[in-house]
Amino acid sequence: MAASLTLYSNPMSRGRIARWMLEEVGQPYEVRYLDYGAPMKSPEYLAINPMGKVPTLVHGGRIVTEYAAICAYLADAFPEAGLAPADRSSYYRWLFFGAGPFEATVIAKICGWIVPDDKRGQVGFGSLDVALDALERAVSENPYLAGDTFSAVDVATGSQIGYGMRFGTIGSRPALEAYWARISERPALRRATDADDAALAEQKG
């Protein structure tokens, strides 16, 4: 049976997060890699994602963009994978926190954007330290962001934590380091990483 799940991605993108989630779900899927530049801005792809970026998930006639939305969608579309908790209060909280304030403050630091003190209340994230304090408290109180069980929010927001550790955005944070150690050993992440790394090596020739 042909895969009804198609991920448009690039091995140097947030598409890695979506691929990890697809591996967690365990359903057949295919990946169509797009190079940056003209391929992502082609009329054919813009008809799918007008932003001209990746990742984009196509499931039958449904189109889902944004990595956090893809993770949440897949958890709901395939409930048998057990990746969305019955009580979704913390699940939604940290899913939107990761895709909103946390990612925004990380990107601000990477880009060297300095928020003036008198504008800090308007940006929605306060500061990177404040955001990291909130995440560290969450994973100190529970093994996973939504509680006792691994879920899609650990793929989405957990990936952002792992990215910050890999590239030095996050300093020494023992609770976050322990959390990332727990989730980064998952077989689904290893499979997704190996596949994307192989695609990246092929791209580079």
Protein backbone atom coordinates (compact mmCIF):
# COMPACT_ATOMS: atom_id res chain seq x y z
CA MET A 1 0.00 0.00 0.00
CA ALA A 2 1.37 3.41 -0.96
CA ALA A 3 2.04 5.84 1.86
CA SER A 4 -0.72 8.41 2.28
CA LEU A 5 1.56 10.58 4.40
CA THR A 6 3.98 12.80 2.51
CA LEU A 7 6.44 15.10 4.24
CA TYR A 8 8.07 17.94 2.33
CA SER A 9 11.31 18.67 4.10
CA ASN A 10 14.97 19.51 3.98
CA PRO A 11 17.54 17.74 6.17
CA MET A 12 18.67 21.14 7.49
CA SER A 13 15.27 22.31 8.69
CA ARG A 14 12.54 21.86 11.26
CA GLY A 15 11.42 19.04 9.01
CA ARG A 16 13.63 16.87 11.22
CA ILE A 17 11.10 17.38 14.01
CA ALA A 18 8.23 16.30 11.78
CA ARG A 19 10.14 13.23 10.64
CA TRP A 20 10.80 12.22 14.23
CA MET A 21 7.07 12.47 14.88
CA LEU A 22 6.30 10.35 11.83
CA GLU A 23 8.65 7.68 13.13
CA GLU A 24 6.93 7.78 16.51
CA VAL A 25 3.54 7.33 14.84
CA GLY A 26 4.79 4.28 12.95
CA GLN A 27 2.71 4.71 9.79
CA PRO A 28 4.12 4.43 6.24
CA TYR A 29 5.25 7.77 4.86
CA GLU A 30 7.46 9.26 2.20
CA VAL A 31 9.74 12.28 2.33
CA ARG A 32 10.21 14.66 -0.56
CA TYR A 33 13.27 16.80 0.03
CA LEU A 34 13.32 20.31 -1.37
CA ASP A 35 16.38 22.49 -1.72
CA TYR A 36 16.22 26.04 -0.43
CA GLY A 37 15.64 28.70 -3.03
CA ALA A 38 13.84 28.02 -6.29
CA PRO A 39 12.45 24.54 -5.45
CA MET A 40 10.64 25.87 -2.36
CA LYS A 41 9.36 28.87 -4.31
CA SER A 42 8.11 26.93 -7.31
CA PRO A 43 4.42 27.43 -8.26
CA GLU A 44 3.79 23.74 -7.58
CA TYR A 45 5.07 23.91 -4.02
CA LEU A 46 3.61 27.34 -3.27
CA ALA A 47 0.22 25.86 -4.13
CA ILE A 48 0.76 23.51 -1.17
CA ASN A 49 2.51 25.92 1.20
CA PRO A 50 2.24 29.61 0.22
CA MET A 51 5.03 30.42 2.68
CA GLY A 52 7.47 28.50 0.51
CA LYS A 53 9.11 26.77 3.46
CA VAL A 54 9.28 23.36 5.09
CA PRO A 55 8.06 21.24 6.74
CA THR A 56 4.71 20.57 5.14
CA LEU A 57 2.72 17.41 5.73
CA VAL A 58 0.18 16.16 3.21
CA HIS A 59 -2.17 13.46 4.45
CA GLY A 60 -4.65 12.50 1.79
CA GLY A 61 -6.29 15.80 0.91
CA ARG A 62 -5.21 17.51 4.13
CA ILE A 63 -2.30 19.92 4.34
CA VAL A 64 -0.62 20.77 7.63
CA THR A 65 2.25 23.22 8.04
CA GLU A 66 4.32 24.31 11.08
CA TYR A 67 6.20 21.64 12.98
CA ALA A 68 4.16 21.87 16.20
CA ALA A 69 0.88 21.65 14.29
CA ILE A 70 2.20 18.62 12.38
CA CYS A 71 3.11 16.89 15.65
CA ALA A 72 -0.29 17.61 17.19
CA TYR A 73 -2.12 16.59 14.01
CA LEU A 74 -0.34 13.25 13.76
CA ALA A 75 -1.01 12.50 17.43
CA ASP A 76 -4.72 13.05 16.84
CA ALA A 77 -4.84 11.32 13.44
CA PHE A 78 -3.25 8.15 14.85
CA PRO A 79 -4.45 7.86 18.46
CA GLU A 80 -3.26 4.26 18.66
CA ALA A 81 0.30 5.61 18.92
CA GLY A 82 -0.60 7.07 22.34
CA LEU A 83 1.10 10.41 21.73
CA ALA A 84 -1.63 12.72 23.01
CA PRO A 85 -2.59 12.48 26.70
CA ALA A 86 -6.19 12.37 27.87
CA ASP A 87 -5.58 15.45 30.02
CA ARG A 88 -4.21 17.94 27.52
CA SER A 89 -3.78 20.97 29.75
CA SER A 90 0.02 20.70 30.12
CA TYR A 91 0.26 19.20 26.64
CA TYR A 92 -1.26 22.25 24.99
CA ARG A 93 0.51 24.62 27.33
CA TRP A 94 4.02 23.45 26.49
CA LEU A 95 3.27 22.75 22.83
CA PHE A 96 2.28 26.36 22.23
CA PHE A 97 4.94 27.67 24.60
CA GLY A 98 7.63 25.87 22.61
CA ALA A 99 6.40 27.06 19.21
CA GLY A 100 5.71 30.57 20.50
CA PRO A 101 7.66 32.32 23.26
CA PHE A 102 10.47 29.79 23.59
CA GLU A 103 11.35 29.59 19.91
CA ALA A 104 11.00 33.37 19.58
CA THR A 105 13.44 34.10 22.37
CA VAL A 106 15.94 31.53 21.06
CA ILE A 107 15.81 33.03 17.56
CA ALA A 108 16.19 36.52 19.04
CA LYS A 109 19.39 35.42 20.76
CA ILE A 110 20.77 33.70 17.66
CA CYS A 111 20.08 36.80 15.56
CA GLY A 112 21.51 39.15 18.17
CA TRP A 113 18.26 41.02 18.63
CA ILE A 114 18.23 43.01 21.84
CA VAL A 115 14.80 43.81 23.22
CA PRO A 116 14.79 47.19 25.01
CA ASP A 117 13.72 46.93 28.63
CA ASP A 118 10.72 49.17 28.03
CA LYS A 119 9.50 46.83 25.22
CA ARG A 120 10.08 43.53 26.98
CA GLY A 121 6.46 43.21 28.05
CA GLN A 122 5.32 43.45 24.45
CA VAL A 123 7.39 40.66 22.93
CA GLY A 124 5.64 37.86 24.82
CA PHE A 125 8.73 35.97 25.98
CA GLY A 126 10.33 38.19 28.60
CA SER A 127 13.84 36.82 28.22
CA LEU A 128 15.58 33.56 27.38
CA ASP A 129 16.40 32.96 31.05
CA VAL A 130 12.77 33.38 32.06
CA ALA A 131 11.64 30.93 29.36
CA LEU A 132 14.31 28.40 30.33
CA ASP A 133 13.38 28.71 34.01
CA ALA A 134 9.79 27.80 33.11
CA LEU A 135 10.83 24.77 31.07
CA GLU A 136 13.31 23.61 33.68
CA ARG A 137 10.65 23.72 36.35
CA ALA A 138 8.26 21.73 34.15
CA VAL A 139 10.70 18.87 33.58
CA SER A 140 11.81 18.93 37.22
CA GLU A 141 8.26 18.25 38.37
CA ASN A 142 7.55 15.50 35.81
CA PRO A 143 9.67 13.26 33.57
CA TYR A 144 7.95 14.62 30.46
CA LEU A 145 6.38 17.94 29.55
CA ALA A 146 2.82 16.64 29.69
CA GLY A 147 3.35 14.54 32.80
CA ASP A 148 4.44 10.95 33.30
CA THR A 149 4.15 9.85 29.68
CA PHE A 150 6.06 10.78 26.53
CA SER A 151 3.88 12.62 24.01
CA ALA A 152 3.95 14.74 20.87
CA VAL A 153 4.87 17.82 22.89
CA ASP A 154 8.16 16.15 23.79
CA VAL A 155 8.89 15.77 20.08
CA ALA A 156 7.97 19.36 19.24
CA THR A 157 9.21 21.36 22.22
CA GLY A 158 11.78 18.79 23.24
CA SER A 159 13.44 19.18 19.85
CA GLN A 160 13.78 22.90 20.47
CA ILE A 161 15.47 22.16 23.79
CA GLY A 162 17.83 19.71 22.10
CA TYR A 163 18.62 22.25 19.38
CA GLY A 164 19.45 24.86 22.00
CA MET A 165 21.82 22.49 23.75
CA ARG A 166 23.53 21.41 20.55
CA PHE A 167 24.19 24.94 19.37
CA GLY A 168 24.98 26.52 22.71
CA THR A 169 21.86 28.65 23.13
CA ILE A 170 21.08 26.93 26.41
CA GLY A 171 23.76 27.05 29.07
CA SER A 172 24.20 24.60 31.91
CA ARG A 173 20.72 23.54 32.94
CA PRO A 174 20.86 20.16 34.74
CA ALA A 175 17.12 19.44 34.64
CA LEU A 176 16.90 20.23 30.93
CA GLU A 177 20.02 18.18 30.24
CA ALA A 178 18.51 15.19 32.07
CA TYR A 179 15.23 15.65 30.20
CA TRP A 180 16.94 15.74 26.81
CA ALA A 181 18.95 12.65 27.73
CA ARG A 182 15.69 10.82 28.42
CA ILE A 183 14.02 11.64 25.14
CA SER A 184 17.01 11.68 22.81
CA GLU A 185 17.56 7.94 23.23
CA ARG A 186 14.22 7.06 21.67
CA PRO A 187 14.57 4.63 18.73
CA ALA A 188 12.23 6.75 16.58
CA LEU A 189 14.52 9.75 16.92
CA ARG A 190 17.54 7.65 16.04
CA ARG A 191 15.83 6.34 12.89
CA ALA A 192 14.72 9.81 11.83
CA THR A 193 18.14 11.31 12.51
CA ASP A 194 19.96 8.59 10.59
CA ALA A 195 17.67 9.03 7.59
CA ASP A 196 18.02 12.81 7.53
CA ASP A 197 21.78 12.64 8.10
CA ALA A 198 22.09 10.28 5.13
CA ALA A 199 20.04 12.65 2.98
CA LEU A 200 22.21 15.58 4.08
CA ALA A 201 25.40 13.70 3.22
CA GLU A 202 23.98 12.91 -0.21
CA GLN A 203 23.07 16.57 -0.74
CA LYS A 204 26.61 17.62 0.05
CA GLY A 205 27.98 14.95 -2.29
